[in-house]
Protein backbone atom coordinates (compact mmCIF):
# COMPACT_ATOMS: atom_id res chain seq x y z
CA MET A 1 -4.00 96.70 -31.97
CA LYS A 2 -2.53 99.37 -29.81
CA PHE A 3 -0.57 98.47 -26.55
CA PRO A 4 -0.20 100.69 -23.40
CA LEU A 5 2.92 101.36 -22.00
CA SER A 6 2.39 98.55 -19.21
CA ILE A 7 2.73 95.75 -21.80
CA LEU A 8 4.95 92.70 -20.54
CA LEU A 9 8.10 91.79 -22.16
CA LEU A 10 8.66 87.95 -21.75
CA ALA A 11 11.73 86.49 -22.65
CA SER A 12 13.56 83.13 -22.06
CA SER A 13 16.24 81.27 -23.57
CA ALA A 14 14.14 79.13 -25.78
CA CYS A 15 11.47 81.76 -26.73
CA VAL A 16 12.14 85.04 -28.25
CA VAL A 17 10.90 88.29 -26.83
CA HIS A 18 7.06 89.23 -27.81
CA ALA A 19 4.91 91.61 -26.51
CA ALA A 20 1.77 90.74 -24.50
CA PRO A 21 -1.43 92.42 -24.33
CA ALA A 22 -2.66 94.32 -21.26
CA VAL A 23 -2.88 91.79 -18.66
CA PRO A 24 -6.25 91.04 -17.88
CA LYS A 25 -7.69 91.52 -14.39
CA PHE A 26 -9.31 88.16 -12.99
CA ASP A 27 -12.16 88.50 -10.91
CA GLY A 28 -11.82 86.36 -7.52
CA ALA A 29 -15.20 86.86 -6.80
CA ALA A 30 -16.26 85.23 -9.69
CA LEU A 31 -13.94 82.47 -8.97
CA VAL A 32 -15.28 81.55 -5.59
CA GLU A 33 -18.88 81.54 -7.37
CA GLN A 34 -17.53 78.98 -9.84
CA ILE A 35 -16.03 77.10 -7.29
CA SER A 36 -18.93 77.13 -4.91
CA THR A 37 -21.08 75.72 -7.60
CA LEU A 38 -18.93 72.79 -8.47
CA ALA A 39 -18.39 72.06 -4.93
CA SER A 40 -21.97 72.31 -3.80
CA ASP A 41 -24.01 69.41 -2.93
CA GLU A 42 -25.85 69.27 -6.08
CA PHE A 43 -22.73 68.01 -7.91
CA GLU A 44 -22.20 65.34 -5.42
CA GLY A 45 -18.75 65.01 -5.35
CA ARG A 46 -18.29 64.88 -9.08
CA ALA A 47 -17.33 61.18 -9.21
CA PRO A 48 -16.96 59.77 -12.91
CA GLY A 49 -19.82 57.66 -14.04
CA THR A 50 -22.50 59.19 -11.33
CA ASN A 51 -25.02 61.76 -11.44
CA GLY A 52 -22.29 64.19 -10.07
CA GLU A 53 -20.60 63.71 -13.56
CA THR A 54 -23.64 64.38 -15.48
CA GLN A 55 -24.25 67.98 -13.50
CA THR A 56 -20.63 68.65 -14.13
CA ILE A 57 -19.76 67.88 -17.55
CA GLU A 58 -23.37 69.94 -18.44
CA TYR A 59 -22.02 72.88 -16.58
CA LEU A 60 -18.97 73.08 -17.95
CA GLN A 61 -20.26 72.95 -21.48
CA GLN A 62 -22.46 75.63 -20.79
CA GLN A 63 -19.48 77.66 -19.30
CA PHE A 64 -17.89 77.30 -22.39
CA LYS A 65 -20.56 78.10 -24.79
CA LYS A 66 -21.34 81.37 -22.82
CA LEU A 67 -17.72 82.56 -23.24
CA GLY A 68 -17.87 81.80 -26.80
CA LEU A 69 -15.08 79.03 -26.95
CA GLU A 70 -15.37 76.83 -30.11
CA PRO A 71 -15.94 73.00 -29.41
CA GLY A 72 -12.39 71.56 -28.58
CA ASN A 73 -13.23 68.08 -29.99
CA PRO A 74 -12.76 68.01 -34.02
CA ASP A 75 -16.04 66.30 -34.02
CA GLY A 76 -17.89 69.53 -33.11
CA THR A 77 -18.75 68.63 -29.51
CA TYR A 78 -17.07 69.71 -26.13
CA LEU A 79 -16.83 66.03 -24.92
CA GLN A 80 -14.27 63.36 -25.48
CA THR A 81 -15.48 60.12 -24.27
CA VAL A 82 -13.20 58.18 -21.76
CA PRO A 83 -14.32 54.51 -21.73
CA LEU A 84 -13.64 53.54 -18.14
CA ALA A 85 -14.28 50.38 -16.24
CA GLY A 86 -15.54 50.87 -12.95
CA ILE A 87 -14.18 48.40 -10.27
CA SER A 88 -15.31 47.92 -6.79
CA SER A 89 -13.03 45.46 -5.17
CA HIS A 90 -13.91 43.37 -2.16
CA PRO A 91 -10.62 42.00 -1.07
CA THR A 92 -9.32 39.53 1.45
CA LEU A 93 -5.66 39.07 2.67
CA ARG A 94 -4.16 36.32 4.81
CA TYR A 95 -0.91 34.91 5.50
CA GLY A 96 -0.44 32.11 7.97
CA SER A 97 -3.15 32.28 10.56
CA THR A 98 -3.47 36.27 10.40
CA GLN A 99 -6.18 37.74 8.62
CA LEU A 100 -6.05 41.49 7.90
CA LYS A 101 -9.21 43.98 8.21
CA PHE A 102 -9.66 45.81 4.67
CA GLY A 103 -9.55 49.62 5.34
CA GLU A 104 -8.24 49.42 8.82
CA ASP A 105 -5.38 47.08 8.06
CA TYR A 106 -4.87 47.64 4.48
CA VAL A 107 -6.10 48.50 0.95
CA ALA A 108 -6.04 46.26 -2.03
CA TRP A 109 -8.02 46.62 -5.15
CA THR A 110 -7.44 45.46 -9.13
CA ALA A 111 -7.36 47.24 -12.60
CA ARG A 112 -8.72 44.39 -14.22
CA ALA A 113 -12.29 43.94 -15.20
CA ASP A 114 -12.72 40.41 -13.71
CA LYS A 115 -15.45 39.26 -11.53
CA GLN A 116 -12.82 37.60 -9.37
CA ILE A 117 -9.08 37.46 -8.99
CA GLU A 118 -6.97 35.32 -6.38
CA VAL A 119 -3.60 35.30 -5.86
CA ALA A 120 -3.09 31.99 -3.87
CA ASP A 121 0.26 30.79 -1.74
CA SER A 122 2.06 33.65 -3.35
CA GLU A 123 5.55 33.80 -2.26
CA LEU A 124 6.16 37.13 -0.39
CA VAL A 125 9.36 39.08 -1.46
CA PHE A 126 10.72 42.20 -0.27
CA VAL A 127 12.10 44.25 -3.18
CA GLY A 128 13.53 47.73 -1.12
CA TYR A 129 12.12 50.65 -2.98
CA GLY A 130 11.16 48.62 -6.15
CA VAL A 131 13.56 51.05 -8.15
CA GLN A 132 15.61 50.59 -11.22
CA ALA A 133 17.28 53.44 -12.21
CA PRO A 134 20.13 53.18 -14.34
CA GLU A 135 21.27 56.51 -14.44
CA PHE A 136 21.96 56.14 -10.74
CA LYS A 137 23.46 52.89 -11.10
CA TRP A 138 20.61 51.58 -9.07
CA ASP A 139 18.67 48.15 -9.37
CA ASP A 140 16.60 46.72 -6.54
CA TYR A 141 15.77 43.69 -8.85
CA LYS A 142 19.01 42.15 -10.00
CA GLY A 143 17.42 40.00 -12.35
CA VAL A 144 15.72 37.91 -9.72
CA ASP A 145 12.87 36.10 -11.39
CA LEU A 146 9.62 37.45 -9.65
CA LYS A 147 6.87 35.88 -11.81
CA GLY A 148 4.14 34.92 -9.64
CA LYS A 149 5.35 36.43 -6.28
CA THR A 150 3.74 39.25 -4.14
CA LEU A 151 6.28 42.07 -3.93
CA VAL A 152 6.46 44.40 -0.78
CA MET A 153 8.29 47.63 -1.31
CA LEU A 154 9.01 50.83 0.41
CA ILE A 155 7.09 54.15 -0.80
CA ASN A 156 9.15 57.03 -2.11
CA ASP A 157 12.67 57.01 -3.21
CA PRO A 158 15.85 55.45 -1.49
CA PRO A 159 16.85 58.33 0.75
CA VAL A 160 20.39 58.17 0.21
CA PRO A 161 23.11 59.85 2.53
CA ASP A 162 25.43 62.39 1.44
CA PRO A 163 28.83 60.70 1.78
CA LYS A 164 30.26 64.31 2.63
CA LYS A 165 27.48 65.14 4.89
CA PRO A 166 25.55 61.80 6.45
CA LYS A 167 23.11 63.66 8.12
CA MET A 168 21.79 65.08 4.84
CA LEU A 169 20.64 63.41 1.46
CA ASP A 170 22.78 62.93 -1.40
CA PRO A 171 21.32 65.57 -3.81
CA ALA A 172 23.23 63.89 -6.98
CA VAL A 173 20.98 60.35 -6.03
CA PHE A 174 17.13 60.46 -6.74
CA GLY A 175 17.25 64.23 -6.23
CA GLY A 176 17.99 64.26 -2.41
CA HIS A 177 15.08 65.28 -0.68
CA ALA A 178 12.91 65.72 -3.76
CA VAL A 179 10.62 63.01 -4.98
CA THR A 180 11.36 61.72 -8.41
CA TRP A 181 9.41 59.63 -10.77
CA TYR A 182 10.79 56.53 -9.33
CA GLY A 183 9.29 57.61 -5.32
CA ARG A 184 5.82 57.26 -6.97
CA TRP A 185 3.30 54.32 -6.34
CA ASN A 186 2.30 54.23 -9.98
CA TYR A 187 6.07 53.94 -11.12
CA LYS A 188 6.21 50.93 -8.39
CA PHE A 189 3.07 49.15 -9.23
CA GLU A 190 4.26 49.51 -12.89
CA MET A 191 7.61 48.18 -12.25
CA ALA A 192 5.86 45.05 -10.41
CA ALA A 193 3.78 44.63 -13.56
CA LYS A 194 6.99 44.46 -15.67
CA MET A 195 8.59 41.92 -13.70
CA GLY A 196 5.95 39.57 -13.93
CA ALA A 197 4.36 39.76 -10.13
CA ALA A 198 1.09 38.53 -9.06
CA ALA A 199 0.53 41.52 -6.74
CA ALA A 200 2.33 44.29 -4.94
CA LEU A 201 2.07 46.16 -1.78
CA ILE A 202 3.17 49.39 -0.90
CA VAL A 203 4.42 49.93 2.82
CA HIS A 204 2.29 53.16 3.66
CA GLU A 205 4.40 56.05 5.79
CA THR A 206 2.75 59.27 6.27
CA LYS A 207 6.09 61.33 6.25
CA ALA A 208 7.35 59.63 3.15
CA ALA A 209 4.15 59.63 1.44
CA GLY A 210 2.89 63.07 2.02
CA TYR A 211 -0.07 62.14 3.42
CA PRO A 212 -1.85 60.22 6.12
CA TYR A 213 -3.14 56.57 5.63
CA GLU A 214 -6.76 58.09 5.52
CA VAL A 215 -6.18 59.39 2.17
CA VAL A 216 -5.21 56.11 0.90
CA VAL A 217 -8.12 54.52 2.07
CA ASN A 218 -10.55 57.31 0.96
CA GLY A 219 -8.82 57.19 -2.62
CA TRP A 220 -8.48 53.49 -3.00
CA GLY A 221 -10.89 51.74 -0.52
CA ARG A 222 -14.30 52.05 -2.56
CA GLU A 223 -14.81 52.01 -6.41
CA ASN A 224 -11.93 52.41 -8.65
CA PHE A 225 -11.63 52.82 -12.30
CA ALA A 226 -9.23 51.90 -15.08
CA LEU A 227 -9.32 52.58 -18.58
CA LYS A 228 -11.33 50.04 -20.46
CA SER A 229 -9.43 47.42 -22.46
CA SER A 230 -9.59 44.33 -23.93
CA LYS A 231 -6.37 43.12 -22.35
CA PRO A 232 -4.67 43.22 -18.73
CA ASP A 233 -3.79 46.98 -17.72
CA GLY A 234 0.14 46.47 -18.42
CA TYR A 235 1.12 49.19 -15.66
CA MET A 236 -0.49 47.20 -12.96
CA PRO A 237 -0.01 43.86 -11.36
CA ALA A 238 -3.22 41.59 -10.92
CA ILE A 239 -3.74 43.01 -7.43
CA ALA A 240 -2.31 46.16 -6.25
CA GLY A 241 -2.45 47.82 -2.42
CA TRP A 242 -1.10 49.27 0.42
CA LEU A 243 -0.43 47.94 3.97
CA GLN A 244 -0.53 50.48 6.98
CA ASN A 245 2.53 50.85 8.28
CA GLU A 246 2.12 48.69 11.86
CA ARG A 247 0.66 46.07 10.02
CA ALA A 248 3.64 45.87 7.80
CA CYS A 249 5.71 45.56 10.63
CA ASP A 250 3.68 42.65 11.94
CA LEU A 251 4.02 41.07 8.92
CA PHE A 252 7.69 41.22 8.89
CA LYS A 253 8.13 40.07 12.33
CA ALA A 254 5.83 37.07 11.31
CA ALA A 255 8.65 36.45 8.66
CA GLY A 256 11.41 36.56 11.44
CA LYS A 257 12.68 40.13 9.88
CA ASP A 258 12.78 43.30 11.05
CA LEU A 259 11.23 46.16 8.90
CA ALA A 260 13.73 48.61 10.06
CA GLU A 261 16.64 46.73 9.58
CA LEU A 262 15.50 45.80 6.08
CA LYS A 263 14.94 49.43 5.17
CA GLN A 264 18.61 50.32 6.08
CA GLN A 265 19.69 47.33 3.61
CA ALA A 266 17.53 48.89 1.18
CA LEU A 267 19.58 52.15 0.96
CA SER A 268 22.62 50.22 -0.56
CA ARG A 269 23.13 49.63 -4.12
CA ASN A 270 24.14 46.19 -3.44
CA PHE A 271 20.19 45.18 -2.10
CA LYS A 272 18.87 42.49 -3.90
CA PRO A 273 15.44 40.78 -3.30
CA ILE A 274 14.68 38.92 0.04
CA PRO A 275 12.27 36.53 -0.02
CA LEU A 276 10.48 36.63 3.39
CA GLY A 277 9.86 32.83 3.86
CA ILE A 278 5.97 33.14 3.85
CA LYS A 279 3.09 33.11 1.70
CA ILE A 280 0.18 35.15 1.05
CA ASN A 281 -3.21 34.65 -0.02
CA LEU A 282 -5.01 37.46 -1.42
CA ALA A 283 -8.09 37.66 -3.63
CA THR A 284 -10.75 40.21 -4.57
CA VAL A 285 -14.44 39.81 -5.90
CA ASN A 286 -15.08 42.52 -8.17
CA ALA A 287 -18.36 44.19 -8.89
CA VAL A 288 -17.47 45.61 -12.34
CA ARG A 289 -19.67 48.10 -14.58
CA GLU A 290 -18.45 49.82 -17.74
CA VAL A 291 -18.45 53.80 -17.58
CA ALA A 292 -18.44 56.15 -20.69
CA SER A 293 -16.72 59.20 -18.68
CA HIS A 294 -15.79 62.47 -20.52
CA ASN A 295 -12.85 65.02 -20.56
CA VAL A 296 -14.76 68.40 -21.70
CA VAL A 297 -12.87 70.23 -24.30
CA ALA A 298 -12.87 73.81 -26.06
CA ARG A 299 -10.58 75.57 -28.11
CA ILE A 300 -9.57 79.05 -29.46
CA ALA A 301 -8.10 78.71 -32.67
CA GLY A 302 -5.02 80.64 -33.65
CA SER A 303 -4.77 83.39 -35.50
CA ASP A 304 -1.53 82.62 -37.44
CA PRO A 305 -2.06 80.59 -40.80
CA GLN A 306 0.71 77.95 -40.07
CA LEU A 307 1.32 78.23 -36.21
CA LYS A 308 -2.66 77.61 -35.69
CA ASN A 309 -2.01 73.73 -36.23
CA GLU A 310 0.14 73.93 -32.97
CA VAL A 311 -1.38 74.13 -29.54
CA VAL A 312 -0.78 75.12 -26.06
CA VAL A 313 -3.04 72.64 -23.79
CA TYR A 314 -4.41 74.12 -20.27
CA THR A 315 -5.50 71.40 -18.10
CA ALA A 316 -7.27 70.80 -14.92
CA HIS A 317 -9.25 67.76 -13.47
CA TRP A 318 -12.98 68.02 -12.92
CA ASP A 319 -13.43 64.77 -11.08
CA HIS A 320 -13.41 64.19 -7.17
CA PHE A 321 -14.78 61.27 -4.75
CA GLY A 322 -18.35 61.30 -4.91
CA ILE A 323 -20.50 60.31 -1.89
CA ASP A 324 -19.54 57.72 0.91
CA GLU A 325 -22.84 56.93 2.32
CA THR A 326 -21.10 54.80 5.17
CA LEU A 327 -20.00 57.94 6.82
CA PRO A 328 -22.13 59.41 9.66
CA GLY A 329 -24.32 62.46 9.66
CA PRO A 330 -26.33 64.28 7.15
CA ARG A 331 -25.90 63.68 3.29
CA THR A 332 -23.71 66.93 3.08
CA GLN A 333 -21.01 65.45 5.34
CA GLN A 334 -21.16 62.05 3.27
CA ILE A 335 -20.00 64.13 0.06
CA PHE A 336 -16.62 64.69 -1.21
CA HIS A 337 -16.89 68.35 -2.17
CA GLY A 338 -13.51 68.64 -3.69
CA ALA A 339 -13.17 72.42 -3.49
CA VAL A 340 -9.68 72.94 -3.41
CA ASP A 341 -9.16 69.63 -5.38
CA ASN A 342 -9.93 70.58 -7.76
CA ALA A 343 -13.03 72.67 -7.94
CA SER A 344 -10.55 75.77 -7.88
CA GLY A 345 -8.42 74.63 -10.62
CA VAL A 346 -11.64 74.11 -12.95
CA ALA A 347 -12.89 77.47 -12.08
CA GLY A 348 -9.41 78.85 -12.81
CA LEU A 349 -9.33 77.22 -16.28
CA LEU A 350 -12.58 79.09 -16.80
CA GLN A 351 -11.39 82.33 -15.76
CA ILE A 352 -7.95 81.74 -18.14
CA ALA A 353 -10.49 80.87 -21.01
CA LYS A 354 -12.32 84.21 -20.71
CA ALA A 355 -9.30 86.16 -20.68
CA TYR A 356 -8.38 84.31 -24.01
CA LYS A 357 -11.54 84.88 -25.44
CA ALA A 358 -11.60 88.67 -24.28
CA MET A 359 -8.48 89.77 -26.46
CA PRO A 360 -8.96 91.54 -29.34
CA THR A 361 -6.84 89.12 -31.72
CA PRO A 362 -6.03 85.40 -30.61
CA PRO A 363 -2.45 84.19 -30.07
CA LYS A 364 -0.91 82.69 -32.95
CA ARG A 365 -1.07 79.23 -31.73
CA SER A 366 -4.28 77.60 -30.74
CA ILE A 367 -5.45 77.30 -27.01
CA LEU A 368 -7.22 74.17 -26.05
CA PHE A 369 -8.72 73.84 -22.76
CA VAL A 370 -9.35 70.26 -21.22
CA ALA A 371 -11.15 69.53 -18.19
CA THR A 372 -10.19 66.08 -17.40
CA THR A 373 -11.89 62.84 -15.88
CA ALA A 374 -10.74 60.54 -13.57
CA GLU A 375 -7.48 62.34 -12.48
CA GLU A 376 -8.11 60.99 -9.02
CA ARG A 377 -8.15 57.21 -10.17
CA GLY A 378 -4.86 57.33 -11.81
CA LEU A 379 -4.70 60.64 -14.30
CA LEU A 380 -6.84 58.31 -16.27
CA GLY A 381 -8.50 61.36 -18.45
CA ALA A 382 -5.33 62.80 -19.25
CA GLN A 383 -3.60 59.31 -19.95
CA TYR A 384 -6.54 58.85 -22.27
CA TYR A 385 -6.10 62.12 -23.88
CA VAL A 386 -2.36 61.75 -24.56
CA ARG A 387 -3.23 57.97 -26.07
CA HIS A 388 -5.82 59.47 -28.09
CA PRO A 389 -5.13 63.05 -28.58
CA LEU A 390 -7.42 65.36 -30.53
CA TYR A 391 -4.72 67.40 -31.58
CA PRO A 392 -1.60 65.59 -32.51
CA ILE A 393 0.93 65.24 -29.74
CA SER A 394 3.90 66.42 -32.12
CA LYS A 395 1.87 69.58 -32.57
CA THR A 396 1.16 70.27 -28.55
CA ILE A 397 4.03 72.36 -27.27
CA LEU A 398 2.99 72.99 -23.88
CA ASN A 399 0.84 71.75 -21.04
CA ILE A 400 -0.10 74.10 -18.19
CA ASN A 401 -1.95 72.27 -15.48
CA ILE A 402 -3.93 73.80 -12.78
CA ASP A 403 -4.65 71.35 -9.63
CA GLY A 404 -5.67 73.38 -6.45
CA LEU A 405 -5.33 77.07 -5.95
CA ASN A 406 -3.75 79.46 -3.71
CA LEU A 407 -6.73 80.54 -2.04
CA TRP A 408 -4.99 81.76 1.29
CA GLY A 409 -3.54 85.15 -0.12
CA ARG A 410 -0.75 86.53 -2.02
CA THR A 411 3.17 85.09 -1.59
CA ARG A 412 6.49 86.59 -2.46
CA ASP A 413 7.43 83.00 -3.77
CA VAL A 414 6.14 81.31 -7.11
CA GLU A 415 6.59 77.69 -6.30
CA LEU A 416 7.20 75.93 -9.58
CA SER A 417 6.80 72.06 -9.08
CA GLY A 418 9.48 70.23 -11.62
CA MET A 419 11.64 73.39 -11.91
CA GLY A 420 15.01 72.78 -13.64
CA LYS A 421 13.09 70.28 -16.33
CA SER A 422 12.43 72.71 -19.37
CA SER A 423 12.63 76.22 -20.67
CA ALA A 424 9.32 77.09 -19.58
CA ASP A 425 10.71 77.67 -16.19
CA ASP A 426 12.42 80.69 -17.93
CA ILE A 427 8.89 81.98 -19.10
CA VAL A 428 7.39 81.53 -15.59
CA ALA A 429 10.36 83.57 -14.10
CA ALA A 430 10.36 86.55 -16.49
CA ILE A 431 6.68 86.87 -15.66
CA ALA A 432 6.81 86.52 -11.93
CA ALA A 433 9.84 89.09 -11.82
CA ARG A 434 7.21 91.12 -13.26
CA GLN A 435 4.83 90.75 -10.29
CA GLY A 436 7.66 91.09 -7.86
CA ARG A 437 8.02 87.67 -7.19
CA VAL A 438 10.81 85.10 -7.34
CA VAL A 439 10.47 81.33 -9.07
CA LYS A 440 11.61 78.88 -6.34
CA PRO A 441 11.31 75.16 -6.80
CA ASP A 442 8.47 73.05 -4.82
CA SER A 443 9.25 73.61 -1.16
CA ASN A 444 7.67 70.31 -0.18
CA VAL A 445 9.81 68.23 -2.39
CA SER A 446 8.95 65.22 -0.34
CA TYR A 447 5.35 65.03 -1.67
CA GLY A 448 6.44 64.60 -5.26
CA SER A 449 3.45 66.94 -6.72
CA TYR A 450 5.13 67.04 -10.33
CA TYR A 451 4.47 63.00 -10.55
CA ARG A 452 1.02 63.08 -9.13
CA GLY A 453 -0.84 65.30 -11.46
CA ASP A 454 -1.98 65.40 -14.84
CA GLN A 455 0.84 67.12 -16.17
CA LEU A 456 2.86 63.77 -15.65
CA GLU A 457 0.97 62.10 -18.51
CA PHE A 458 1.71 65.20 -21.02
CA ALA A 459 5.26 65.17 -19.70
CA ARG A 460 5.75 61.34 -20.48
CA VAL A 461 4.93 61.76 -24.17
CA GLY A 462 7.31 64.69 -24.25
CA ILE A 463 5.39 67.57 -23.82
CA PRO A 464 7.20 70.37 -21.45
CA THR A 465 4.70 71.52 -18.65
CA ILE A 466 4.11 74.12 -16.11
CA TYR A 467 2.40 73.52 -12.77
CA LEU A 468 2.60 76.22 -9.96
CA ARG A 469 2.41 75.18 -6.19
CA SER A 470 1.29 77.24 -3.66
CA SER A 471 3.94 78.18 -1.21
CA ALA A 472 1.53 79.56 1.54
CA GLY A 473 1.70 77.73 4.70
CA LYS A 474 -1.77 77.21 5.11
CA LEU A 475 -1.45 74.62 2.22
CA LEU A 476 0.19 72.18 4.68
CA ASN A 477 -2.59 72.45 7.15
CA TYR A 478 -5.17 71.84 4.09
CA THR A 479 -2.95 68.83 2.82
CA ALA A 480 -2.98 67.23 6.44
CA GLN A 481 -6.53 68.09 7.49
CA HIS A 482 -8.76 68.41 4.47
CA TYR A 483 -6.97 66.97 1.53
CA HIS A 484 -9.23 63.98 -0.10
CA THR A 485 -11.76 64.39 3.14
CA VAL A 486 -15.34 65.54 3.12
CA SER A 487 -13.83 68.79 4.85
CA ASP A 488 -12.65 70.18 1.44
CA THR A 489 -15.35 72.84 1.24
CA VAL A 490 -15.56 76.38 0.58
CA GLN A 491 -14.47 78.33 2.96
CA ALA A 492 -15.61 81.85 4.14
CA ASN A 493 -12.02 82.95 5.05
CA TRP A 494 -10.47 82.08 1.62
CA ASN A 495 -8.15 85.06 0.16
CA THR A 496 -8.23 84.97 -3.58
CA SER A 497 -5.66 87.53 -4.04
CA GLY A 498 -2.81 84.82 -4.59
CA ALA A 499 -5.24 82.58 -6.99
CA VAL A 500 -5.91 85.78 -8.94
CA GLU A 501 -2.01 86.38 -9.31
CA ASP A 502 -1.10 82.89 -10.13
CA LEU A 503 -3.84 82.79 -12.79
CA SER A 504 -2.57 85.84 -14.41
CA LEU A 505 1.01 84.48 -14.29
CA LEU A 506 -0.36 81.42 -16.14
CA PHE A 507 -2.51 83.36 -18.86
CA GLN A 508 0.41 85.14 -19.71
CA ALA A 509 2.76 82.08 -19.84
CA GLY A 510 0.54 80.37 -22.23
CA TYR A 511 0.00 83.55 -24.10
CA GLN A 512 3.84 83.98 -24.27
CA ALA A 513 4.32 80.20 -25.36
CA ALA A 514 1.66 80.60 -28.01
CA GLN A 515 3.34 83.83 -29.56
CA ALA A 516 6.80 82.87 -29.40
CA LYS A 517 8.73 81.73 -32.57
CA ASP A 518 10.74 78.80 -30.69
CA GLN A 519 8.73 75.99 -28.53
CA PRO A 520 9.78 75.37 -24.80
CA LYS A 521 12.61 72.55 -25.01
CA TRP A 522 13.62 69.97 -22.45
CA LYS A 523 16.75 70.54 -20.56
CA ASP A 524 19.33 67.82 -21.05
CA SER A 525 19.19 66.54 -17.58
CA ALA A 526 15.27 65.91 -17.74
CA GLU A 527 13.79 62.46 -17.57
CA PHE A 528 11.05 63.05 -20.34
CA GLN A 529 12.21 63.92 -23.97
CA ARG A 530 10.20 63.61 -27.25
CA HIS A 531 11.13 60.64 -28.94
């Protein structure tokens, strides 16, 4: 195979230089066409376990077959069944004589497939940020017995002031302004379960969370999902939930406390859990159904006899939030279309698969494409995959996740979420430089995007990852106005030039990793390592 003079020579500290084929041209019109199909009324918001899933997985299988990709499941199919429990929780929450309103004041749910769960007369305990981070000499729990209690905790990482610049955050502690794994809601609930707490409630703050309270209600206020299991989910307490900020202030006031003052106390390493002196009654009546959902998987076998057993995995979640028939207006205004999140990512996955299939010779390592289910319900499809991998985790060298494309035009910068964690950064930087762009960390660091997408599940089992974020200012408007709402629809003013450029980068990054002698490696400072 002869290469033109325009070949890209990509290099990194962990990967030797390899020549890549001429960069394929990605079709913005085809991208929008696929997004429009996935985000149409016909696909009904793509909720797992609904007709929307049936439509979606059938469409994706047809697309992979049309492209000529092999089935990704070694059983000869394009599907990996993901057994879920669909749980619709109808909670009640009362402390003293105060009864809170579900949705308006709080959201609560369970990951346990029980018809009814009750947390009665449970002592409320404020645990600050709910963080236990030995590397920062930080422990909000201090060995206190919290079994059977209900924990109230703050969102995000502790914003510790810089001792040299008190108006700034200390970059040496929890990444300064950046959100770490310790700031994520799933970490906090996991810690509550580890402590034996009966329930846990996070105080919602829009600025700290990175999204309005409406997103919490839309995401957790209806049917939720958990991986089906004969044992209680060890990552969640019996009941988990969020408190609307003003209602949280009222709760602390009823306990004779000032939330603002306690937040200040929680910024100290000397903080220890504070009993609030009041008890809560929190219960859920649950409608439970078993759901056989699916990851959709396709594969391009590697061309090297030895290296083909190693895998680069591209992922994008196909699911969204389905239909909410309680919303006003016609049916189309009740559907969570999820155009940007994440019909765009799935369409990008298909476009990259097409580019690989068009190559005269496949890369040395195999390429796996996984359209995951139930990402919106706690990264469950990706979580199931890494627990039940179709190809050995030890042979999986890189995950490239696509969760929302830049549909607002080209950017001079490439924002890399999780930048600084692995040598995969160098691959991205080299390709971006060839595009005339510069790689920078995620500018919206308080959003904590690295810890809220499918790439996290791959990272947690030791697989380096690549996850790009759009640096377009319009992304912030999208997050504030359309993220996880019914207005996330295809827009006539989209500009796909940015998405096309990012897809080119992600294609080349995967190819480079699949060709290189050495695999991407974690940096010593990263919290994720192979064990």
